[in-house]
Amino acid sequence: MRHGDEREQGARQEPESEPAQEHTTGGGGGAVHIGNMSGGAIATGAHGRATSYGSPVPPAGTDEATLALLEAVRALRADMRVLAATAETAAVDGELVEIEGEITRTGSAGPGRVARLRDRLEAGASAVGMLASAAAVVQAAAQVLG
């Protein structure tokens, strides 16, 4: 046996040991601060759970006007949470959900649906129409419809 083979053989016989882990109970009092995070989820602590509430992404190749409409639709849905629930807010939210789903599935929204939503928001007959984000949806819809 050559001199170098003894070292290699000896190294192969010794099992790799992992560092000892100390199990502790209770929190360590540390803190995690995340300034801005896009995508993913994070959990900390012994019993931490990570839950992602990300939004579906539209297919590659979705045009800029449709992406702007999707962003405006999501902003309006978020802003509508401050309004009292009425038949009108439920109807508008239903249309927004349909348009958002269609864009994320196909990369576009049906012109009839977009025109209906635009007309409803332009009428401004409800509290929804008075939100600034509703105006953004109307503008984005006009771009999509041409």
Protein backbone atom coordinates (compact mmCIF):
# COMPACT_ATOMS: atom_id res chain seq x y z
CA MET A 1 0.00 0.00 0.00
CA ARG A 2 1.34 3.38 -0.90
CA HIS A 3 1.80 6.07 1.69
CA GLY A 4 -1.00 8.34 0.33
CA ASP A 5 -3.50 5.45 0.22
CA GLU A 6 -3.41 5.02 4.01
CA ARG A 7 -4.57 8.60 4.53
CA GLU A 8 -7.37 8.25 1.99
CA GLN A 9 -8.48 4.91 3.42
CA GLY A 10 -8.44 6.29 6.95
CA ALA A 11 -10.47 9.29 5.92
CA ARG A 12 -13.08 7.09 4.26
CA GLN A 13 -13.58 5.03 7.41
CA GLU A 14 -14.37 7.96 9.66
CA PRO A 15 -18.03 8.96 9.35
CA GLU A 16 -18.85 12.58 8.76
CA SER A 17 -20.29 14.01 11.93
CA GLU A 18 -22.74 16.86 11.97
CA PRO A 19 -22.44 19.63 14.50
CA ALA A 20 -24.44 19.06 17.63
CA GLN A 21 -27.68 20.98 17.64
CA GLU A 22 -28.95 22.38 20.86
CA HIS A 23 -32.74 22.23 21.22
CA THR A 24 -34.17 25.18 23.05
CA THR A 25 -37.68 26.03 24.05
CA GLY A 26 -39.16 29.48 24.02
CA GLY A 27 -38.31 32.41 21.87
CA GLY A 28 -34.96 34.00 21.57
CA GLY A 29 -36.38 37.49 21.47
CA GLY A 30 -34.93 38.24 18.04
CA ALA A 31 -36.71 40.16 15.33
CA VAL A 32 -36.90 39.90 11.56
CA HIS A 33 -37.48 43.03 9.51
CA ILE A 34 -38.29 42.81 5.82
CA GLY A 35 -38.40 46.14 4.05
CA ASN A 36 -39.64 44.95 0.65
CA MET A 37 -40.16 41.44 -0.64
CA SER A 38 -41.45 40.33 -4.00
CA GLY A 39 -42.62 36.74 -4.19
CA GLY A 40 -41.95 33.91 -1.79
CA ALA A 41 -42.72 33.59 1.88
CA ILE A 42 -40.70 33.52 5.08
CA ALA A 43 -41.18 31.86 8.45
CA THR A 44 -39.15 32.23 11.62
CA GLY A 45 -39.06 30.50 14.95
CA ALA A 46 -39.41 26.89 15.99
CA HIS A 47 -43.06 26.68 14.97
CA GLY A 48 -43.10 29.32 12.23
CA ARG A 49 -45.37 28.85 9.22
CA ALA A 50 -44.89 30.55 5.90
CA THR A 51 -48.02 31.38 3.92
CA SER A 52 -47.82 33.05 0.55
CA TYR A 53 -50.60 35.38 -0.57
CA GLY A 54 -49.07 36.18 -3.92
CA SER A 55 -51.15 37.09 -6.93
CA PRO A 56 -51.21 34.92 -10.03
CA VAL A 57 -48.98 36.14 -12.83
CA PRO A 58 -50.36 36.55 -16.37
CA PRO A 59 -48.76 34.58 -19.20
CA ALA A 60 -45.58 35.82 -20.83
CA GLY A 61 -46.29 38.08 -23.77
CA THR A 62 -49.24 39.86 -22.15
CA ASP A 63 -49.28 43.37 -23.62
CA GLU A 64 -48.48 46.45 -21.53
CA ALA A 65 -52.01 47.89 -21.68
CA THR A 66 -53.47 44.65 -20.29
CA LEU A 67 -50.82 44.52 -17.56
CA ALA A 68 -51.73 48.10 -16.61
CA LEU A 69 -55.40 47.12 -16.49
CA LEU A 70 -54.58 44.15 -14.25
CA GLU A 71 -52.61 46.37 -11.88
CA ALA A 72 -55.44 48.94 -11.77
CA VAL A 73 -58.06 46.22 -11.18
CA ARG A 74 -56.04 44.83 -8.24
CA ALA A 75 -55.59 48.31 -6.77
CA LEU A 76 -59.32 49.04 -7.01
CA ARG A 77 -60.19 45.73 -5.35
CA ALA A 78 -57.81 46.59 -2.49
CA ASP A 79 -59.28 50.09 -2.13
CA MET A 80 -62.84 48.76 -2.14
CA ARG A 81 -62.20 46.97 1.16
CA VAL A 82 -62.80 50.27 2.98
CA LEU A 83 -66.29 50.65 1.52
CA ALA A 84 -69.45 49.32 3.15
CA ALA A 85 -70.61 46.16 1.40
CA THR A 86 -73.58 46.81 -0.88
CA ALA A 87 -75.11 45.11 -3.89
CA GLU A 88 -73.21 47.60 -6.07
CA THR A 89 -69.81 46.94 -4.48
CA ALA A 90 -70.43 43.19 -4.72
CA ALA A 91 -71.32 43.49 -8.41
CA VAL A 92 -68.26 45.61 -9.18
CA ASP A 93 -65.99 43.27 -7.22
CA GLY A 94 -67.45 40.30 -9.10
CA GLU A 95 -66.60 41.94 -12.42
CA LEU A 96 -63.11 42.81 -11.20
CA VAL A 97 -62.54 39.20 -10.08
CA GLU A 98 -63.65 37.93 -13.50
CA ILE A 99 -61.37 40.34 -15.38
CA GLU A 100 -58.40 39.58 -13.10
CA GLY A 101 -58.91 35.85 -13.53
CA GLU A 102 -59.27 36.09 -17.28
CA ILE A 103 -56.09 38.15 -17.63
CA THR A 104 -54.04 35.83 -15.42
CA ARG A 105 -55.31 32.74 -17.28
CA THR A 106 -55.19 33.99 -20.88
CA GLY A 107 -53.24 37.25 -20.96
CA SER A 108 -56.25 39.27 -22.09
CA ALA A 109 -59.75 40.28 -21.03
CA GLY A 110 -62.85 40.14 -23.18
CA PRO A 111 -63.69 43.55 -24.65
CA GLY A 112 -67.36 43.24 -23.68
CA ARG A 113 -66.53 42.64 -20.03
CA VAL A 114 -63.96 45.47 -19.97
CA ALA A 115 -66.40 47.88 -21.64
CA ARG A 116 -69.17 46.97 -19.17
CA LEU A 117 -66.86 47.63 -16.21
CA ARG A 118 -65.64 50.90 -17.71
CA ASP A 119 -69.22 52.09 -18.26
CA ARG A 120 -70.23 51.18 -14.73
CA LEU A 121 -67.27 53.02 -13.21
CA GLU A 122 -67.64 56.06 -15.48
CA ALA A 123 -71.23 56.50 -14.33
CA GLY A 124 -69.83 57.18 -10.84
CA ALA A 125 -73.24 56.51 -9.31
CA SER A 126 -71.76 54.68 -6.34
CA ALA A 127 -69.02 55.09 -3.79
CA VAL A 128 -66.85 52.81 -5.94
CA GLY A 129 -66.92 55.36 -8.76
CA MET A 130 -65.55 58.01 -6.43
CA LEU A 131 -62.38 56.08 -5.59
CA ALA A 132 -59.27 57.36 -7.36
CA SER A 133 -58.36 53.79 -8.27
CA ALA A 134 -61.66 53.51 -10.17
CA ALA A 135 -60.49 56.32 -12.46
CA ALA A 136 -57.27 54.38 -13.06
CA VAL A 137 -59.29 51.31 -14.10
CA VAL A 138 -61.36 53.44 -16.50
CA GLN A 139 -58.18 54.86 -18.08
CA ALA A 140 -56.54 51.42 -18.35
CA ALA A 141 -59.74 49.96 -19.82
CA ALA A 142 -59.78 52.70 -22.48
CA GLN A 143 -56.20 51.76 -23.44
CA VAL A 144 -57.10 48.07 -23.74
CA LEU A 145 -60.22 48.81 -25.76
CA GLY A 146 -58.32 51.16 -28.05
